């Protein structure tokens, strides 16, 4: 699916450009996988296909990444079901 199609879907759902972007979902997932779910940053970066040419090595850490993505799916299912959400606020 192209970025344009995803962006269009956000706009149709009523999100404007100041509220959410496609890259914002990646950034949010990166933060939650690390800080809330406690996964290693290198696993996250491999999954997001970031960092130093590793984008083409799609088989690194597959068992760990599978566990991570299941935890992510479980986290999202929990939000959908009404789990308590830890707010991200600005530090004072």
PDB file of N, CA and C in Angstrom:
ATOM      1  N   UNK A   1       0.849  -1.171   0.000  1.00  0.00           N
ATOM      2  CA  UNK A   1       0.000   0.000   0.000  1.00  0.00           C
ATOM      3  C   UNK A   1       0.899   1.241   0.000  1.00  0.00           C
ATOM      4  N   UNK A   2       0.596   2.187  -0.804  1.00  0.00           N
ATOM      5  CA  UNK A   2       1.431   3.379  -0.921  1.00  0.00           C
ATOM      6  C   UNK A   2       1.184   4.352   0.227  1.00  0.00           C
ATOM      7  N   UNK A   3       2.177   5.235   0.437  1.00  0.00           N
ATOM      8  CA  UNK A   3       2.016   6.285   1.437  1.00  0.00           C
ATOM      9  C   UNK A   3       0.814   7.164   1.111  1.00  0.00           C
ATOM     10  N   UNK A   4       0.600   7.420  -0.179  1.00  0.00           N
ATOM     11  CA  UNK A   4      -0.522   8.268  -0.601  1.00  0.00           C
ATOM     12  C   UNK A   4      -1.858   7.641  -0.200  1.00  0.00           C
ATOM     13  N   UNK A   5      -1.986   6.327  -0.364  1.00  0.00           N
ATOM     14  CA  UNK A   5      -3.232   5.648   0.003  1.00  0.00           C
ATOM     15  C   UNK A   5      -3.449   5.701   1.510  1.00  0.00           C
ATOM     16  N   UNK A   6      -2.375   5.487   2.280  1.00  0.00           N
ATOM     17  CA  UNK A   6      -2.494   5.563   3.736  1.00  0.00           C
ATOM     18  C   UNK A   6      -2.827   6.980   4.192  1.00  0.00           C
ATOM     19  N   UNK A   7      -2.184   7.952   3.581  1.00  0.00           N
ATOM     20  CA  UNK A   7      -2.453   9.350   3.920  1.00  0.00           C
ATOM     21  C   UNK A   7      -3.894   9.715   3.595  1.00  0.00           C
ATOM     22  N   UNK A   8      -4.374   9.281   2.479  1.00  0.00           N
ATOM     23  CA  UNK A   8      -5.766   9.531   2.085  1.00  0.00           C
ATOM     24  C   UNK A   8      -6.726   8.907   3.102  1.00  0.00           C
ATOM     25  N   UNK A   9      -6.422   7.686   3.555  1.00  0.00           N
ATOM     26  CA  UNK A   9      -7.269   7.023   4.554  1.00  0.00           C
ATOM     27  C   UNK A   9      -7.313   7.832   5.849  1.00  0.00           C
ATOM     28  N   UNK A  10      -6.176   8.374   6.268  1.00  0.00           N
ATOM     29  CA  UNK A  10      -6.158   9.218   7.473  1.00  0.00           C
ATOM     30  C   UNK A  10      -7.044  10.440   7.293  1.00  0.00           C
ATOM     31  N   UNK A  11      -6.936  11.083   6.144  1.00  0.00           N
ATOM     32  CA  UNK A  11      -7.725  12.292   5.892  1.00  0.00           C
ATOM     33  C   UNK A  11      -9.218  11.972   5.844  1.00  0.00           C
ATOM     34  N   UNK A  12      -9.588  10.848   5.232  1.00  0.00           N
ATOM     35  CA  UNK A  12     -10.990  10.435   5.168  1.00  0.00           C
ATOM     36  C   UNK A  12     -11.531  10.174   6.577  1.00  0.00           C
ATOM     37  N   UNK A  13     -10.671   9.647   7.467  1.00  0.00           N
ATOM     38  CA  UNK A  13     -11.089   9.395   8.853  1.00  0.00           C
ATOM     39  C   UNK A  13     -11.154  10.675   9.684  1.00  0.00           C
ATOM     40  N   UNK A  14     -10.726  11.799   9.095  1.00  0.00           N
ATOM     41  CA  UNK A  14     -10.851  13.069   9.782  1.00  0.00           C
ATOM     42  C   UNK A  14      -9.593  13.584  10.452  1.00  0.00           C
ATOM     43  N   UNK A  15      -8.452  12.925  10.265  1.00  0.00           N
ATOM     44  CA  UNK A  15      -7.199  13.403  10.837  1.00  0.00           C
ATOM     45  C   UNK A  15      -6.572  14.410   9.888  1.00  0.00           C
ATOM     46  N   UNK A  16      -6.251  15.603  10.390  1.00  0.00           N
ATOM     47  CA  UNK A  16      -5.596  16.579   9.523  1.00  0.00           C
ATOM     48  C   UNK A  16      -4.082  16.441   9.654  1.00  0.00           C
ATOM     49  N   UNK A  17      -3.347  17.176   8.828  1.00  0.00           N
ATOM     50  CA  UNK A  17      -1.896  16.989   8.755  1.00  0.00           C
ATOM     51  C   UNK A  17      -1.175  17.418  10.032  1.00  0.00           C
ATOM     52  N   UNK A  18      -1.767  18.290  10.824  1.00  0.00           N
ATOM     53  CA  UNK A  18      -1.152  18.686  12.084  1.00  0.00           C
ATOM     54  C   UNK A  18      -1.390  17.651  13.183  1.00  0.00           C
ATOM     55  N   UNK A  19      -2.344  16.759  12.983  1.00  0.00           N
ATOM     56  CA  UNK A  19      -2.728  15.795  14.014  1.00  0.00           C
ATOM     57  C   UNK A  19      -2.008  14.451  13.882  1.00  0.00           C
ATOM     58  N   UNK A  20      -1.872  13.931  12.643  1.00  0.00           N
ATOM     59  CA  UNK A  20      -1.254  12.620  12.457  1.00  0.00           C
ATOM     60  C   UNK A  20      -0.707  12.495  11.055  1.00  0.00           C
ATOM     61  N   UNK A  21       0.406  11.768  10.951  1.00  0.00           N
ATOM     62  CA  UNK A  21       1.016  11.492   9.656  1.00  0.00           C
ATOM     63  C   UNK A  21       1.340  10.002   9.579  1.00  0.00           C
ATOM     64  N   UNK A  22       1.670   9.534   8.399  1.00  0.00           N
ATOM     65  CA  UNK A  22       2.045   8.139   8.229  1.00  0.00           C
ATOM     66  C   UNK A  22       3.311   7.847   9.033  1.00  0.00           C
ATOM     67  N   UNK A  23       4.295   8.722   8.947  1.00  0.00           N
ATOM     68  CA  UNK A  23       5.526   8.520   9.710  1.00  0.00           C
ATOM     69  C   UNK A  23       5.241   8.555  11.210  1.00  0.00           C
ATOM     70  N   UNK A  24       4.216   9.276  11.617  1.00  0.00           N
ATOM     71  CA  UNK A  24       3.852   9.324  13.028  1.00  0.00           C
ATOM     72  C   UNK A  24       3.505   7.956  13.593  1.00  0.00           C
ATOM     73  N   UNK A  25       2.898   7.093  12.791  1.00  0.00           N
ATOM     74  CA  UNK A  25       2.591   5.732  13.237  1.00  0.00           C
ATOM     75  C   UNK A  25       3.872   4.947  13.479  1.00  0.00           C
ATOM     76  N   UNK A  26       4.847   5.101  12.601  1.00  0.00           N
ATOM     77  CA  UNK A  26       6.133   4.416  12.774  1.00  0.00           C
ATOM     78  C   UNK A  26       6.824   4.911  14.038  1.00  0.00           C
ATOM     79  N   UNK A  27       6.834   6.221  14.232  1.00  0.00           N
ATOM     80  CA  UNK A  27       7.477   6.799  15.408  1.00  0.00           C
ATOM     81  C   UNK A  27       6.770   6.341  16.690  1.00  0.00           C
ATOM     82  N   UNK A  28       5.456   6.309  16.659  1.00  0.00           N
ATOM     83  CA  UNK A  28       4.690   5.870  17.823  1.00  0.00           C
ATOM     84  C   UNK A  28       4.978   4.400  18.128  1.00  0.00           C
ATOM     85  N   UNK A  29       4.996   3.563  17.105  1.00  0.00           N
ATOM     86  CA  UNK A  29       5.296   2.141  17.300  1.00  0.00           C
ATOM     87  C   UNK A  29       6.706   1.978  17.852  1.00  0.00           C
ATOM     88  N   UNK A  30       7.663   2.704  17.312  1.00  0.00           N
ATOM     89  CA  UNK A  30       9.061   2.632  17.769  1.00  0.00           C
ATOM     90  C   UNK A  30       9.149   2.957  19.250  1.00  0.00           C
ATOM     91  N   UNK A  31       8.480   4.007  19.673  1.00  0.00           N
ATOM     92  CA  UNK A  31       8.517   4.434  21.069  1.00  0.00           C
ATOM     93  C   UNK A  31       7.845   3.415  21.984  1.00  0.00           C
ATOM     94  N   UNK A  32       6.658   2.968  21.631  1.00  0.00           N
ATOM     95  CA  UNK A  32       5.910   2.032  22.481  1.00  0.00           C
ATOM     96  C   UNK A  32       6.605   0.678  22.552  1.00  0.00           C
ATOM     97  N   UNK A  33       7.118   0.173  21.429  1.00  0.00           N
ATOM     98  CA  UNK A  33       7.826  -1.112  21.451  1.00  0.00           C
ATOM     99  C   UNK A  33       9.037  -1.065  22.374  1.00  0.00           C
ATOM    100  N   UNK A  34       9.714   0.058  22.414  1.00  0.00           N
ATOM    101  CA  UNK A  34      10.894   0.215  23.264  1.00  0.00           C
ATOM    102  C   UNK A  34      10.503   0.522  24.703  1.00  0.00           C
ATOM    103  N   UNK A  35       9.798   1.625  24.918  1.00  0.00           N
ATOM    104  CA  UNK A  35       9.586   2.143  26.262  1.00  0.00           C
ATOM    105  C   UNK A  35       8.460   1.477  27.042  1.00  0.00           C
ATOM    106  N   UNK A  36       7.461   0.953  26.360  1.00  0.00           N
ATOM    107  CA  UNK A  36       6.336   0.332  27.050  1.00  0.00           C
ATOM    108  C   UNK A  36       6.464  -1.190  27.047  1.00  0.00           C
ATOM    109  N   UNK A  37       6.761  -1.757  25.882  1.00  0.00           N
ATOM    110  CA  UNK A  37       6.807  -3.212  25.762  1.00  0.00           C
ATOM    111  C   UNK A  37       8.199  -3.793  25.998  1.00  0.00           C
ATOM    112  N   UNK A  38       9.219  -2.951  26.039  1.00  0.00           N
ATOM    113  CA  UNK A  38      10.552  -3.369  26.443  1.00  0.00           C
ATOM    114  C   UNK A  38      11.357  -4.191  25.455  1.00  0.00           C
ATOM    115  N   UNK A  39      11.125  -4.001  24.160  1.00  0.00           N
ATOM    116  CA  UNK A  39      11.886  -4.749  23.170  1.00  0.00           C
ATOM    117  C   UNK A  39      13.192  -4.045  22.843  1.00  0.00           C
ATOM    118  N   UNK A  40      14.188  -4.836  22.464  1.00  0.00           N
ATOM    119  CA  UNK A  40      15.499  -4.292  22.123  1.00  0.00           C
ATOM    120  C   UNK A  40      15.403  -3.374  20.908  1.00  0.00           C
ATOM    121  N   UNK A  41      16.057  -2.223  20.975  1.00  0.00           N
ATOM    122  CA  UNK A  41      16.026  -1.289  19.852  1.00  0.00           C
ATOM    123  C   UNK A  41      16.513  -1.886  18.530  1.00  0.00           C
ATOM    124  N   UNK A  42      17.489  -2.793  18.561  1.00  0.00           N
ATOM    125  CA  UNK A  42      17.962  -3.351  17.294  1.00  0.00           C
ATOM    126  C   UNK A  42      16.903  -4.239  16.649  1.00  0.00           C
ATOM    127  N   UNK A  43      16.087  -4.941  17.440  1.00  0.00           N
ATOM    128  CA  UNK A  43      14.984  -5.720  16.870  1.00  0.00           C
ATOM    129  C   UNK A  43      13.963  -4.781  16.220  1.00  0.00           C
ATOM    130  N   UNK A  44      13.675  -3.691  16.918  1.00  0.00           N
ATOM    131  CA  UNK A  44      12.707  -2.716  16.403  1.00  0.00           C
ATOM    132  C   UNK A  44      13.199  -2.119  15.091  1.00  0.00           C
ATOM    133  N   UNK A  45      14.460  -1.717  15.054  1.00  0.00           N
ATOM    134  CA  UNK A  45      15.023  -1.107  13.855  1.00  0.00           C
ATOM    135  C   UNK A  45      15.027  -2.082  12.683  1.00  0.00           C
ATOM    136  N   UNK A  46      15.325  -3.349  12.943  1.00  0.00           N
ATOM    137  CA  UNK A  46      15.260  -4.340  11.866  1.00  0.00           C
ATOM    138  C   UNK A  46      13.832  -4.458  11.349  1.00  0.00           C
ATOM    139  N   UNK A  47      12.868  -4.457  12.252  1.00  0.00           N
ATOM    140  CA  UNK A  47      11.469  -4.592  11.833  1.00  0.00           C
ATOM    141  C   UNK A  47      11.025  -3.384  11.012  1.00  0.00           C
ATOM    142  N   UNK A  48      11.486  -2.215  11.409  1.00  0.00           N
ATOM    143  CA  UNK A  48      11.120  -0.995  10.688  1.00  0.00           C
ATOM    144  C   UNK A  48      11.997  -0.776   9.453  1.00  0.00           C
ATOM    145  N   UNK A  49      12.947  -1.668   9.231  1.00  0.00           N
ATOM    146  CA  UNK A  49      13.868  -1.589   8.087  1.00  0.00           C
ATOM    147  C   UNK A  49      14.660  -0.297   8.099  1.00  0.00           C
ATOM    148  N   UNK A  50      15.182   0.051   9.266  1.00  0.00           N
ATOM    149  CA  UNK A  50      16.017   1.238   9.429  1.00  0.00           C
ATOM    150  C   UNK A  50      17.457   0.819   9.672  1.00  0.00           C
ATOM    151  N   UNK A  51      18.312   1.752   9.683  1.00  0.00           N
ATOM    152  CA  UNK A  51      19.695   1.705  10.143  1.00  0.00           C
ATOM    153  C   UNK A  51      20.694   1.024   9.214  1.00  0.00           C
ATOM    154  N   UNK A  52      21.541   1.837   8.659  1.00  0.00           N
ATOM    155  CA  UNK A  52      22.774   1.432   7.999  1.00  0.00           C
ATOM    156  C   UNK A  52      22.674   0.288   6.994  1.00  0.00           C
ATOM    157  N   UNK A  53      21.781   0.364   6.057  1.00  0.00           N
ATOM    158  CA  UNK A  53      21.736  -0.621   4.997  1.00  0.00           C
ATOM    159  C   UNK A  53      21.146  -1.964   5.389  1.00  0.00           C
ATOM    160  N   UNK A  54      20.663  -2.090   6.594  1.00  0.00           N
ATOM    161  CA  UNK A  54      20.096  -3.360   7.034  1.00  0.00           C
ATOM    162  C   UNK A  54      18.699  -3.596   6.483  1.00  0.00           C
ATOM    163  N   UNK A  55      18.193  -2.629   5.768  1.00  0.00           N
ATOM    164  CA  UNK A  55      16.835  -2.753   5.226  1.00  0.00           C
ATOM    165  C   UNK A  55      16.706  -3.962   4.323  1.00  0.00           C
ATOM    166  N   UNK A  56      17.809  -4.385   3.723  1.00  0.00           N
ATOM    167  CA  UNK A  56      17.734  -5.491   2.782  1.00  0.00           C
ATOM    168  C   UNK A  56      17.972  -6.846   3.424  1.00  0.00           C
ATOM    169  N   UNK A  57      18.368  -6.865   4.703  1.00  0.00           N
ATOM    170  CA  UNK A  57      18.529  -8.123   5.421  1.00  0.00           C
ATOM    171  C   UNK A  57      17.236  -8.376   6.186  1.00  0.00           C
ATOM    172  N   UNK A  58      16.278  -8.965   5.526  1.00  0.00           N
ATOM    173  CA  UNK A  58      14.934  -9.128   6.086  1.00  0.00           C
ATOM    174  C   UNK A  58      14.783 -10.367   6.958  1.00  0.00           C
ATOM    175  N   UNK A  59      15.868 -11.133   7.134  1.00  0.00           N
ATOM    176  CA  UNK A  59      15.751 -12.362   7.922  1.00  0.00           C
ATOM    177  C   UNK A  59      16.430 -12.277   9.276  1.00  0.00           C
ATOM    178  N   UNK A  60      17.031 -11.154   9.626  1.00  0.00           N
ATOM    179  CA  UNK A  60      17.701 -11.029  10.914  1.00  0.00           C
ATOM    180  C   UNK A  60      16.702 -11.042  12.066  1.00  0.00           C
ATOM    181  N   UNK A  61      17.003 -11.857  13.053  1.00  0.00           N
ATOM    182  CA  UNK A  61      16.235 -11.894  14.310  1.00  0.00           C
ATOM    183  C   UNK A  61      14.757 -12.234  14.112  1.00  0.00           C
ATOM    184  N   UNK A  62      14.445 -13.069  13.162  1.00  0.00           N
ATOM    185  CA  UNK A  62      13.031 -13.365  12.876  1.00  0.00           C
ATOM    186  C   UNK A  62      12.258 -13.921  14.071  1.00  0.00           C
ATOM    187  N   UNK A  63      12.771 -14.877  14.842  1.00  0.00           N
ATOM    188  CA  UNK A  63      11.986 -15.375  15.988  1.00  0.00           C
ATOM    189  C   UNK A  63      11.666 -14.270  17.002  1.00  0.00           C
ATOM    190  N   UNK A  64      12.659 -13.410  17.289  1.00  0.00           N
ATOM    191  CA  UNK A  64      12.437 -12.321  18.240  1.00  0.00           C
ATOM    192  C   UNK A  64      11.467 -11.288  17.681  1.00  0.00           C
ATOM    193  N   UNK A  65      11.593 -11.008  16.388  1.00  0.00           N
ATOM    194  CA  UNK A  65      10.699 -10.034  15.753  1.00  0.00           C
ATOM    195  C   UNK A  65       9.271 -10.554  15.693  1.00  0.00           C
ATOM    196  N   UNK A  66       9.110 -11.854  15.505  1.00  0.00           N
ATOM    197  CA  UNK A  66       7.770 -12.441  15.510  1.00  0.00           C
ATOM    198  C   UNK A  66       7.128 -12.265  16.883  1.00  0.00           C
ATOM    199  N   UNK A  67       7.879 -12.519  17.950  1.00  0.00           N
ATOM    200  CA  UNK A  67       7.365 -12.316  19.317  1.00  0.00           C
ATOM    201  C   UNK A  67       7.009 -10.847  19.542  1.00  0.00           C
ATOM    202  N   UNK A  68       7.880  -9.966  19.052  1.00  0.00           N
ATOM    203  CA  UNK A  68       7.652  -8.535  19.209  1.00  0.00           C
ATOM    204  C   UNK A  68       6.372  -8.106  18.504  1.00  0.00           C
ATOM    205  N   UNK A  69       6.174  -8.568  17.273  1.00  0.00           N
ATOM    206  CA  UNK A  69       4.986  -8.161  16.530  1.00  0.00           C
ATOM    207  C   UNK A  69       3.717  -8.753  17.132  1.00  0.00           C
ATOM    208  N   UNK A  70       3.807  -9.945  17.737  1.00  0.00           N
ATOM    209  CA  UNK A  70       2.644 -10.503  18.426  1.00  0.00           C
ATOM    210  C   UNK A  70       2.327  -9.664  19.661  1.00  0.00           C
ATOM    211  N   UNK A  71       3.372  -9.239  20.386  1.00  0.00           N
ATOM    212  CA  UNK A  71       3.162  -8.370  21.551  1.00  0.00           C
ATOM    213  C   UNK A  71       2.530  -7.050  21.118  1.00  0.00           C
ATOM    214  N   UNK A  72       2.968  -6.514  19.973  1.00  0.00           N
ATOM    215  CA  UNK A  72       2.392  -5.272  19.434  1.00  0.00           C
ATOM    216  C   UNK A  72       0.913  -5.473  19.100  1.00  0.00           C
ATOM    217  N   UNK A  73       0.592  -6.585  18.445  1.00  0.00           N
ATOM    218  CA  UNK A  73      -0.805  -6.883  18.112  1.00  0.00           C
ATOM    219  C   UNK A  73      -1.637  -7.034  19.380  1.00  0.00           C
ATOM    220  N   UNK A  74      -1.092  -7.716  20.386  1.00  0.00           N
ATOM    221  CA  UNK A  74      -1.808  -7.885  21.660  1.00  0.00           C
ATOM    222  C   UNK A  74      -2.023  -6.536  22.341  1.00  0.00           C
ATOM    223  N   UNK A  75      -1.015  -5.663  22.267  1.00  0.00           N
ATOM    224  CA  UNK A  75      -1.120  -4.324  22.842  1.00  0.00           C
ATOM    225  C   UNK A  75      -2.243  -3.537  22.158  1.00  0.00           C
ATOM    226  N   UNK A  76      -2.268  -3.570  20.826  1.00  0.00           N
ATOM    227  CA  UNK A  76      -3.322  -2.860  20.088  1.00  0.00           C
ATOM    228  C   UNK A  76      -4.697  -3.451  20.369  1.00  0.00           C
ATOM    229  N   UNK A  77      -4.787  -4.785  20.460  1.00  0.00           N
ATOM    230  CA  UNK A  77      -6.066  -5.422  20.812  1.00  0.00           C
ATOM    231  C   UNK A  77      -6.525  -4.973  22.189  1.00  0.00           C
ATOM    232  N   UNK A  78      -5.579  -4.831  23.116  1.00  0.00           N
ATOM    233  CA  UNK A  78      -5.917  -4.350  24.455  1.00  0.00           C
ATOM    234  C   UNK A  78      -6.463  -2.936  24.435  1.00  0.00           C
ATOM    235  N   UNK A  79      -5.854  -2.082  23.620  1.00  0.00           N
ATOM    236  CA  UNK A  79      -6.362  -0.714  23.486  1.00  0.00           C
ATOM    237  C   UNK A  79      -7.783  -0.720  22.929  1.00  0.00           C
ATOM    238  N   UNK A  80      -7.989  -1.549  21.920  1.00  0.00           N
ATOM    239  CA  UNK A  80      -9.310  -1.632  21.295  1.00  0.00           C
ATOM    240  C   UNK A  80     -10.356  -2.111  22.295  1.00  0.00           C
ATOM    241  N   UNK A  81      -9.941  -3.021  23.187  1.00  0.00           N
ATOM    242  CA  UNK A  81     -10.857  -3.589  24.173  1.00  0.00           C
ATOM    243  C   UNK A  81     -11.035  -2.691  25.394  1.00  0.00           C
ATOM    244  N   UNK A  82     -10.305  -1.576  25.441  1.00  0.00           N
ATOM    245  CA  UNK A  82     -10.481  -0.644  26.555  1.00  0.00           C
ATOM    246  C   UNK A  82      -9.445  -0.745  27.645  1.00  0.00           C
ATOM    247  N   UNK A  83      -8.247  -1.211  27.325  1.00  0.00           N
ATOM    248  CA  UNK A  83      -7.177  -1.296  28.310  1.00  0.00           C
ATOM    249  C   UNK A  83      -6.818   0.100  28.806  1.00  0.00           C
ATOM    250  N   UNK A  84      -6.224   0.146  29.974  1.00  0.00           N
ATOM    251  CA  UNK A  84      -5.753   1.410  30.523  1.00  0.00           C
ATOM    252  C   UNK A  84      -4.591   1.891  29.660  1.00  0.00           C
ATOM    253  N   UNK A  85      -4.658   3.120  29.222  1.00  0.00           N
ATOM    254  CA  UNK A  85      -3.636   3.696  28.362  1.00  0.00           C
ATOM    255  C   UNK A  85      -2.754   4.608  29.194  1.00  0.00           C
ATOM    256  N   UNK A  86      -1.446   4.413  29.096  1.00  0.00           N
ATOM    257  CA  UNK A  86      -0.494   5.280  29.796  1.00  0.00           C
ATOM    258  C   UNK A  86      -0.288   6.502  28.925  1.00  0.00           C
ATOM    259  N   UNK A  87      -0.665   7.696  29.416  1.00  0.00           N
ATOM    260  CA  UNK A  87      -0.536   8.893  28.577  1.00  0.00           C
ATOM    261  C   UNK A  87       0.927   9.312  28.416  1.00  0.00           C
ATOM    262  N   UNK A  88       1.262   9.786  27.232  1.00  0.00           N
ATOM    263  CA  UNK A  88       2.572  10.366  26.960  1.00  0.00           C
ATOM    264  C   UNK A  88       2.401  11.874  27.085  1.00  0.00           C
ATOM    265  N   UNK A  89       3.000  12.438  28.114  1.00  0.00           N
ATOM    266  CA  UNK A  89       2.874  13.871  28.313  1.00  0.00           C
ATOM    267  C   UNK A  89       4.223  14.556  28.232  1.00  0.00           C
ATOM    268  N   UNK A  90       4.199  15.863  28.175  1.00  0.00           N
ATOM    269  CA  UNK A  90       5.439  16.625  28.152  1.00  0.00           C
ATOM    270  C   UNK A  90       6.041  16.632  29.550  1.00  0.00           C
ATOM    271  N   UNK A  91       7.362  16.509  29.622  1.00  0.00           N
ATOM    272  CA  UNK A  91       8.055  16.563  30.900  1.00  0.00           C
ATOM    273  C   UNK A  91       8.079  18.000  31.391  1.00  0.00           C
ATOM    274  N   UNK A  92       7.953  18.140  32.676  1.00  0.00           N
ATOM    275  CA  UNK A  92       7.975  19.494  33.255  1.00  0.00           C
ATOM    276  C   UNK A  92       9.373  19.970  33.479  1.00  0.00           C
TER     277      UNK A  92
END
